[in-house]
């Protein structure tokens, strides 16, 4: 049965709020900047005044709602934002949807399955249709709601929709479970770092002797970070590809590092990084954020933080713990930039070799598990993405 999306769904615009409506705590707001190609980033959430809850009840998100970004970067750019779709999961249920996005909900569940509809919005056919109706400048576009409502599709019987949704959801459920396990491991690592190196309750701290000159345990030293690190900035990317081709590597951008969905580019003269390297975002609103690299190449907004005689794992968690301090010292006004000169002048408490060795013995098995889970998710995404168009086009019998 061919059905037009505009006839089958309820369209709910994101809310528009002023700065005076926001609070340090309150009703969580989901912005376009908080979601990427395959997940949510909820480390930097804004909050509305609790008193506005009833007034904006229509903007509260429900499980399996479909969100479409209607404003963002042009489709010609890598990881275009405009036209991106995402499904509300348990992490963001009851969040309030902000402007520049719309929420889709099926009106007649006996005709269309909500989750099947989500996977339909993930197809190239849907994405191309709505993006072609977008208007705007070369690097910014807006997709009118009418351009989404006009999309029509030959929907199979509801039973078939349910089966397709169940198959594809199976992959996404496994991915989400792995993401929860990853989060637990990351929190364990960060908490242990803070216990050992911030609160100074490292193994053997009870019997440690404090050096009166440095105020640190014996064997520790105060050093300048610049004596142990160096920044190697990435280069502007050349042509990128959605699939891996011979002599290409993953492109490590902010969006892809958070979502796990990568494009590829020819190695050429690009800056290569390897799994476990520290990457710092050098430009933009989130400058000074650090990430763990996978094997690939970095663009001009990223830099590899090279270390010598200092475990990169220790530096990674140090940067994470001190992110706010690093960002306060960013340079630039309209566009913030990370400040390598400031970072190199930081006085760093260097632990003794025995403790550094113990830290590595603790952290490396955790990192190994993290990478195993990330690799599993990469394979699951690839398998799902291959299967999705075939199921939606009826090429695979269910």
Protein backbone atom coordinates (compact mmCIF):
# COMPACT_ATOMS: atom_id res chain seq x y z
CA UNK A 1 0.00 0.00 0.00
CA UNK A 2 1.52 3.33 -1.04
CA UNK A 3 1.20 5.88 1.73
CA UNK A 4 2.42 9.45 2.02
CA UNK A 5 4.35 10.11 5.25
CA UNK A 6 2.40 13.31 5.83
CA UNK A 7 -0.87 11.34 5.96
CA UNK A 8 0.43 8.64 8.28
CA UNK A 9 2.39 10.54 10.91
CA UNK A 10 2.06 13.24 13.50
CA UNK A 11 4.73 15.92 13.05
CA UNK A 12 5.90 17.70 16.20
CA UNK A 13 8.21 20.70 15.86
CA UNK A 14 11.05 21.16 18.31
CA UNK A 15 10.53 23.89 20.89
CA UNK A 16 12.10 27.33 20.73
CA UNK A 17 13.36 28.71 24.04
CA UNK A 18 15.23 31.82 25.13
CA UNK A 19 18.26 31.93 27.43
CA UNK A 20 16.02 33.02 30.31
CA UNK A 21 14.16 29.69 30.08
CA UNK A 22 17.29 27.65 30.86
CA UNK A 23 18.59 26.59 34.27
CA UNK A 24 21.60 24.71 35.65
CA UNK A 25 19.24 21.84 36.44
CA UNK A 26 15.74 21.02 35.31
CA UNK A 27 14.03 19.44 32.32
CA UNK A 28 16.69 18.00 29.95
CA UNK A 29 16.73 19.40 26.40
CA UNK A 30 17.83 17.44 23.34
CA UNK A 31 19.42 19.58 20.62
CA UNK A 32 20.55 18.65 17.12
CA UNK A 33 24.11 19.01 18.41
CA UNK A 34 23.42 16.19 20.88
CA UNK A 35 22.88 13.49 18.29
CA UNK A 36 25.14 12.07 15.63
CA UNK A 37 24.98 9.41 12.91
CA UNK A 38 24.22 6.54 15.24
CA UNK A 39 23.72 7.69 18.79
CA UNK A 40 23.32 10.46 21.32
CA UNK A 41 25.95 12.61 22.99
CA UNK A 42 24.54 13.66 26.33
CA UNK A 43 27.68 14.95 28.05
CA UNK A 44 26.70 18.56 27.38
CA UNK A 45 22.97 18.91 28.10
CA UNK A 46 20.96 22.08 28.63
CA UNK A 47 18.02 22.23 31.05
CA UNK A 48 14.70 24.07 31.08
CA UNK A 49 12.96 25.57 34.06
CA UNK A 50 10.78 22.87 35.66
CA UNK A 51 7.82 25.28 35.57
CA UNK A 52 7.76 25.05 31.76
CA UNK A 53 7.02 21.31 31.78
CA UNK A 54 3.25 21.54 31.28
CA UNK A 55 3.50 24.29 28.68
CA UNK A 56 5.86 22.25 26.49
CA UNK A 57 4.48 18.77 27.18
CA UNK A 58 4.08 18.23 23.42
CA UNK A 59 7.86 18.49 23.01
CA UNK A 60 8.58 15.66 25.47
CA UNK A 61 10.09 12.67 23.66
CA UNK A 62 8.72 9.14 23.90
CA UNK A 63 10.46 5.82 23.33
CA UNK A 64 10.99 5.08 19.60
CA UNK A 65 10.09 8.59 18.48
CA UNK A 66 11.84 9.43 15.21
CA UNK A 67 13.82 12.67 15.16
CA UNK A 68 14.86 14.34 11.91
CA UNK A 69 17.33 17.24 11.85
CA UNK A 70 15.81 19.88 9.57
CA UNK A 71 18.67 22.37 9.80
CA UNK A 72 22.38 21.71 9.47
CA UNK A 73 25.33 21.25 7.18
CA UNK A 74 24.75 20.63 3.49
CA UNK A 75 24.60 17.03 2.18
CA UNK A 76 27.75 17.68 0.14
CA UNK A 77 29.75 17.93 3.38
CA UNK A 78 31.13 14.92 5.26
CA UNK A 79 28.67 13.71 7.92
CA UNK A 80 25.98 16.14 6.87
CA UNK A 81 23.61 17.05 9.70
CA UNK A 82 20.55 18.14 7.73
CA UNK A 83 18.30 15.17 7.07
CA UNK A 84 19.93 12.99 9.71
CA UNK A 85 17.49 10.70 11.53
CA UNK A 86 17.69 8.99 14.89
CA UNK A 87 15.40 6.92 17.11
CA UNK A 88 14.75 7.85 20.73
CA UNK A 89 16.13 5.23 23.11
CA UNK A 90 15.93 4.79 26.87
CA UNK A 91 18.77 7.27 27.40
CA UNK A 92 16.77 10.28 26.19
CA UNK A 93 13.13 9.36 26.89
CA UNK A 94 11.34 12.37 28.45
CA UNK A 95 13.91 14.82 27.10
CA UNK A 96 12.44 17.93 25.45
CA UNK A 97 13.14 18.35 21.74
CA UNK A 98 14.72 21.66 20.76
CA UNK A 99 14.24 23.61 17.52
CA UNK A 100 15.83 22.70 14.16
CA UNK A 101 14.40 19.18 14.38
CA UNK A 102 11.01 17.49 14.15
CA UNK A 103 9.59 14.41 15.80
CA UNK A 104 7.60 11.78 13.84
CA UNK A 105 5.02 9.48 15.42
CA UNK A 106 2.82 7.05 13.54
CA UNK A 107 -0.88 7.86 13.90
CA UNK A 108 -2.33 4.47 12.92
CA UNK A 109 -0.30 1.60 14.35
CA UNK A 110 -2.50 -0.99 12.67
CA UNK A 111 -1.12 0.23 9.31
CA UNK A 112 2.49 1.29 9.97
CA UNK A 113 5.00 -0.02 12.49
CA UNK A 114 6.85 2.86 14.20
CA UNK A 115 10.21 1.07 14.22
CA UNK A 116 9.84 0.00 10.58
CA UNK A 117 9.23 3.67 9.78
CA UNK A 118 12.46 4.59 11.54
CA UNK A 119 14.46 2.19 9.39
CA UNK A 120 12.70 3.60 6.33
CA UNK A 121 14.00 7.06 7.28
CA UNK A 122 17.49 5.54 7.37
CA UNK A 123 17.36 4.51 3.70
CA UNK A 124 19.14 6.38 0.93
CA UNK A 125 15.79 6.82 -0.86
CA UNK A 126 14.31 8.77 2.05
CA UNK A 127 17.47 10.73 2.82
CA UNK A 128 17.99 11.81 -0.78
CA UNK A 129 14.32 12.76 -1.19
CA UNK A 130 14.20 15.16 1.75
CA UNK A 131 17.70 16.58 1.25
CA UNK A 132 16.94 17.44 -2.37
CA UNK A 133 14.14 19.64 -1.07
CA UNK A 134 16.42 21.50 1.30
CA UNK A 135 17.19 25.17 0.76
CA UNK A 136 20.06 27.33 1.90
CA UNK A 137 23.71 28.23 1.47
CA UNK A 138 26.52 25.91 0.50
CA UNK A 139 27.40 24.96 4.06
CA UNK A 140 23.98 25.34 5.71
CA UNK A 141 20.52 24.23 4.66
CA UNK A 142 16.97 23.92 5.96
CA UNK A 143 14.61 21.10 5.03
CA UNK A 144 10.96 22.21 4.98
CA UNK A 145 8.50 19.94 6.75
CA UNK A 146 6.48 19.80 3.54
CA UNK A 147 9.49 18.17 1.89
CA UNK A 148 9.30 15.35 4.43
CA UNK A 149 5.51 15.01 4.34
CA UNK A 150 5.56 14.52 0.57
CA UNK A 151 7.65 11.35 0.75
CA UNK A 152 5.61 8.25 -0.09
CA UNK A 153 6.42 4.54 0.13
CA UNK A 154 4.92 1.18 -0.77
CA UNK A 155 4.45 -0.19 2.74
CA UNK A 156 4.29 -4.00 2.98
CA UNK A 157 1.69 -5.71 5.20
CA UNK A 158 2.04 -4.89 8.89
CA UNK A 159 3.24 -8.42 9.69
CA UNK A 160 6.13 -8.00 7.24
CA UNK A 161 6.94 -4.58 8.68
CA UNK A 162 7.06 -6.11 12.16
CA UNK A 163 9.46 -8.83 11.03
CA UNK A 164 11.79 -6.39 9.28
CA UNK A 165 11.78 -4.08 12.29
CA UNK A 166 12.53 -7.02 14.59
CA UNK A 167 15.49 -8.21 12.49
CA UNK A 168 17.10 -4.78 12.28
CA UNK A 169 16.34 -3.94 15.91
CA UNK A 170 18.18 -7.09 16.92
CA UNK A 171 21.41 -5.54 15.64
CA UNK A 172 20.71 -2.20 17.29
CA UNK A 173 19.81 -3.85 20.61
CA UNK A 174 23.16 -5.65 20.66
CA UNK A 175 24.93 -2.38 19.82
CA UNK A 176 23.14 -0.56 22.64
CA UNK A 177 24.00 -3.31 25.14
CA UNK A 178 27.65 -3.06 24.14
CA UNK A 179 27.53 0.71 24.53
CA UNK A 180 26.27 0.27 28.09
CA UNK A 181 29.16 -2.09 28.83
CA UNK A 182 31.59 0.38 27.28
CA UNK A 183 30.22 3.15 29.50
CA UNK A 184 30.71 1.02 32.62
CA UNK A 185 34.33 0.26 31.69
CA UNK A 186 35.04 3.92 30.90
CA UNK A 187 33.60 5.02 34.24
CA UNK A 188 35.64 2.37 36.06
CA UNK A 189 38.83 3.61 34.42
CA UNK A 190 38.10 7.28 35.12
CA UNK A 191 37.14 6.62 38.75
CA UNK A 192 40.31 4.59 39.35
CA UNK A 193 42.43 7.34 37.80
CA UNK A 194 40.87 9.89 40.15
CA UNK A 195 41.28 7.59 43.16
CA UNK A 196 44.99 7.02 42.48
CA UNK A 197 46.17 10.32 41.04
CA UNK A 198 43.71 12.99 42.24
CA UNK A 199 42.73 11.80 45.71
CA UNK A 200 46.19 10.17 45.97
CA UNK A 201 44.84 6.89 47.34
CA UNK A 202 47.03 4.76 45.10
CA UNK A 203 48.17 1.23 46.08
CA UNK A 204 50.58 1.59 48.99
CA UNK A 205 49.68 5.20 49.74
CA UNK A 206 49.39 4.44 53.48
CA UNK A 207 53.10 3.78 53.78
CA UNK A 208 54.31 6.38 51.25
CA UNK A 209 56.84 8.95 52.46
CA UNK A 210 56.19 12.57 51.50
CA UNK A 211 59.09 14.59 50.18
CA UNK A 212 59.19 17.88 52.10
CA UNK A 213 60.62 19.79 49.13
CA UNK A 214 58.03 18.76 46.53
CA UNK A 215 55.07 17.90 48.77
CA UNK A 216 54.74 14.69 46.73
CA UNK A 217 55.38 11.04 47.58
CA UNK A 218 59.02 9.99 47.29
CA UNK A 219 59.91 9.13 43.73
CA UNK A 220 57.32 11.51 42.27
CA UNK A 221 58.34 14.71 40.53
CA UNK A 222 56.89 17.98 39.28
CA UNK A 223 57.47 18.33 35.54
CA UNK A 224 56.32 20.48 32.65
CA UNK A 225 53.99 18.60 30.31
CA UNK A 226 55.82 20.14 27.37
CA UNK A 227 58.86 17.99 28.20
CA UNK A 228 56.78 14.86 27.61
CA UNK A 229 54.23 15.68 24.91
CA UNK A 230 53.99 17.13 21.44
CA UNK A 231 51.04 18.10 19.22
CA UNK A 232 50.87 16.88 15.62
CA UNK A 233 47.96 18.54 13.84
CA UNK A 234 46.02 16.79 11.07
CA UNK A 235 45.66 18.03 7.52
CA UNK A 236 42.70 19.05 5.38
CA UNK A 237 40.95 15.97 4.03
CA UNK A 238 40.83 15.16 0.36
CA UNK A 239 38.09 13.09 -1.28
CA UNK A 240 36.19 10.79 1.08
CA UNK A 241 34.30 7.55 0.41
CA UNK A 242 31.44 5.87 2.25
CA UNK A 243 32.98 2.42 1.76
CA UNK A 244 36.52 1.19 2.33
CA UNK A 245 38.53 0.99 -0.89
CA UNK A 246 42.10 -0.23 -1.50
CA UNK A 247 44.76 2.02 0.05
CA UNK A 248 42.22 3.94 2.14
CA UNK A 249 41.92 4.45 5.89
CA UNK A 250 39.18 5.53 8.27
CA UNK A 251 38.59 9.26 8.61
CA UNK A 252 38.60 10.16 12.31
CA UNK A 253 36.36 13.19 12.81
CA UNK A 254 34.47 14.34 15.89
CA UNK A 255 31.20 12.87 14.67
CA UNK A 256 32.65 9.53 13.61
CA UNK A 257 34.66 9.06 16.80
CA UNK A 258 31.47 9.43 18.84
CA UNK A 259 29.19 7.43 16.57
CA UNK A 260 31.52 4.70 15.32
CA UNK A 261 30.36 5.31 11.74
CA UNK A 262 33.32 6.18 9.51
CA UNK A 263 34.05 7.43 6.03
CA UNK A 264 37.35 6.63 4.30
CA UNK A 265 40.02 8.52 2.40
CA UNK A 266 43.23 7.70 0.53
CA UNK A 267 46.23 7.80 2.83
CA UNK A 268 48.24 10.22 0.68
CA UNK A 269 49.93 12.86 2.83
CA UNK A 270 47.37 12.68 5.62
CA UNK A 271 48.38 12.33 9.26
CA UNK A 272 48.15 8.69 10.28
CA UNK A 273 47.28 7.64 13.82
CA UNK A 274 47.06 4.24 15.44
CA UNK A 275 44.69 2.63 17.91
CA UNK A 276 45.17 4.01 21.41
CA UNK A 277 46.73 7.33 20.39
CA UNK A 278 45.32 10.44 22.07
CA UNK A 279 43.46 12.86 19.83
CA UNK A 280 42.53 16.38 20.86
CA UNK A 281 39.89 18.48 19.12
CA UNK A 282 41.70 21.71 18.25
CA UNK A 283 38.95 23.91 16.79
CA UNK A 284 35.29 24.62 17.49
CA UNK A 285 32.91 24.77 20.44
CA UNK A 286 34.26 21.55 21.95
CA UNK A 287 37.95 22.38 21.58
CA UNK A 288 40.26 20.54 24.03
CA UNK A 289 38.06 17.42 24.15
CA UNK A 290 40.17 14.27 23.91
CA UNK A 291 39.38 10.95 22.25
CA UNK A 292 41.08 7.60 21.82
CA UNK A 293 42.09 7.06 18.21
CA UNK A 294 41.48 3.99 16.12
CA UNK A 295 43.72 3.22 13.15
CA UNK A 296 43.07 5.94 10.58
CA UNK A 297 43.79 9.50 9.51
CA UNK A 298 42.82 12.78 11.16
CA UNK A 299 41.53 15.97 9.62
CA UNK A 300 42.68 19.53 10.20
CA UNK A 301 40.52 20.06 13.31
CA UNK A 302 42.23 17.21 15.20
CA UNK A 303 45.73 16.76 16.59
CA UNK A 304 47.57 13.70 17.79
CA UNK A 305 49.10 14.21 21.25
CA UNK A 306 52.41 12.36 21.09
CA UNK A 307 53.92 11.24 24.39
CA UNK A 308 57.38 10.14 25.51
CA UNK A 309 58.22 8.53 28.87
CA UNK A 310 54.60 9.07 29.92
CA UNK A 311 51.83 6.48 29.43
CA UNK A 312 49.29 7.88 26.98
CA UNK A 313 46.54 6.28 29.07
CA UNK A 314 47.50 8.39 32.10
CA UNK A 315 47.56 11.57 30.04
CA UNK A 316 44.19 10.73 28.48
CA UNK A 317 42.41 10.57 31.83
CA UNK A 318 44.31 13.63 33.08
CA UNK A 319 42.95 15.63 30.14
CA UNK A 320 39.43 14.28 30.69
CA UNK A 321 39.52 15.22 34.37
CA UNK A 322 40.83 18.73 33.63
CA UNK A 323 38.72 19.49 30.55
CA UNK A 324 37.03 22.56 32.02
CA UNK A 325 40.39 24.07 32.97
CA UNK A 326 41.77 23.41 29.49
CA UNK A 327 38.73 25.02 27.86
CA UNK A 328 38.92 28.12 30.07
CA UNK A 329 42.37 28.62 28.59
CA UNK A 330 41.34 28.06 24.96
CA UNK A 331 42.20 30.84 22.53
CA UNK A 332 39.91 32.56 20.02
CA UNK A 333 36.70 34.52 20.45
CA UNK A 334 34.10 33.59 17.83
CA UNK A 335 35.68 30.16 17.26
CA UNK A 336 37.52 28.61 20.25
CA UNK A 337 40.82 26.82 19.69
CA UNK A 338 42.73 24.45 21.98
CA UNK A 339 45.86 26.06 23.44
CA UNK A 340 48.93 23.79 23.07
CA UNK A 341 51.24 26.49 24.46
CA UNK A 342 49.26 26.66 27.69
CA UNK A 343 49.03 22.87 27.95
CA UNK A 344 52.80 22.44 27.54
CA UNK A 345 53.41 24.82 30.45
CA UNK A 346 51.22 22.85 32.86
CA UNK A 347 52.94 21.59 36.01
CA UNK A 348 52.29 17.84 36.03
CA UNK A 349 52.74 15.47 38.98
CA UNK A 350 54.76 12.60 37.53
CA UNK A 351 54.30 9.35 39.54
CA UNK A 352 57.19 7.00 40.18
CA UNK A 353 57.91 4.14 37.77
CA UNK A 354 56.44 1.46 40.02
CA UNK A 355 53.06 3.20 40.15
CA UNK A 356 53.12 3.91 36.42
CA UNK A 357 53.73 0.21 35.79
CA UNK A 358 50.86 -0.74 38.13
CA UNK A 359 48.59 1.71 36.32
CA UNK A 360 49.40 0.16 32.97
CA UNK A 361 48.74 -3.34 34.39
CA UNK A 362 45.32 -2.09 35.52
CA UNK A 363 44.29 -0.07 32.46
CA UNK A 364 45.47 -2.18 29.54
CA UNK A 365 43.00 -5.09 30.12
CA UNK A 366 40.18 -2.52 30.37
CA UNK A 367 41.24 -0.90 27.11
CA UNK A 368 41.47 -4.32 25.47
CA UNK A 369 37.86 -5.03 26.48
CA UNK A 370 36.80 -1.57 25.28
CA UNK A 371 38.30 -2.14 21.85
CA UNK A 372 36.78 -5.61 21.60
CA UNK A 373 33.32 -4.15 22.27
CA UNK A 374 33.88 -1.28 19.83
CA UNK A 375 35.02 -3.75 17.16
CA UNK A 376 31.90 -5.85 17.77
CA UNK A 377 29.73 -2.77 17.32
CA UNK A 378 31.53 -1.85 14.11
CA UNK A 379 30.84 -5.30 12.66
CA UNK A 380 27.22 -5.16 13.81
CA UNK A 381 26.72 -1.74 12.18
CA UNK A 382 28.26 -2.93 8.93
CA UNK A 383 26.07 -6.04 8.85
CA UNK A 384 22.94 -4.04 9.64
CA UNK A 385 23.72 -1.38 7.03
CA UNK A 386 24.20 -4.05 4.36
CA UNK A 387 20.95 -5.79 5.30
CA UNK A 388 18.78 -2.67 5.75
CA UNK A 389 18.31 -1.63 2.08
CA UNK A 390 17.83 -5.24 1.00
CA UNK A 391 15.06 -5.78 3.52
CA UNK A 392 13.36 -2.48 2.77
CA UNK A 393 13.43 -3.11 -0.99
CA UNK A 394 12.08 -6.64 -0.59
CA UNK A 395 15.26 -8.24 -1.91
CA UNK A 396 15.42 -10.53 1.16
CA UNK A 397 12.43 -12.65 2.05
CA UNK A 398 11.23 -12.50 5.66
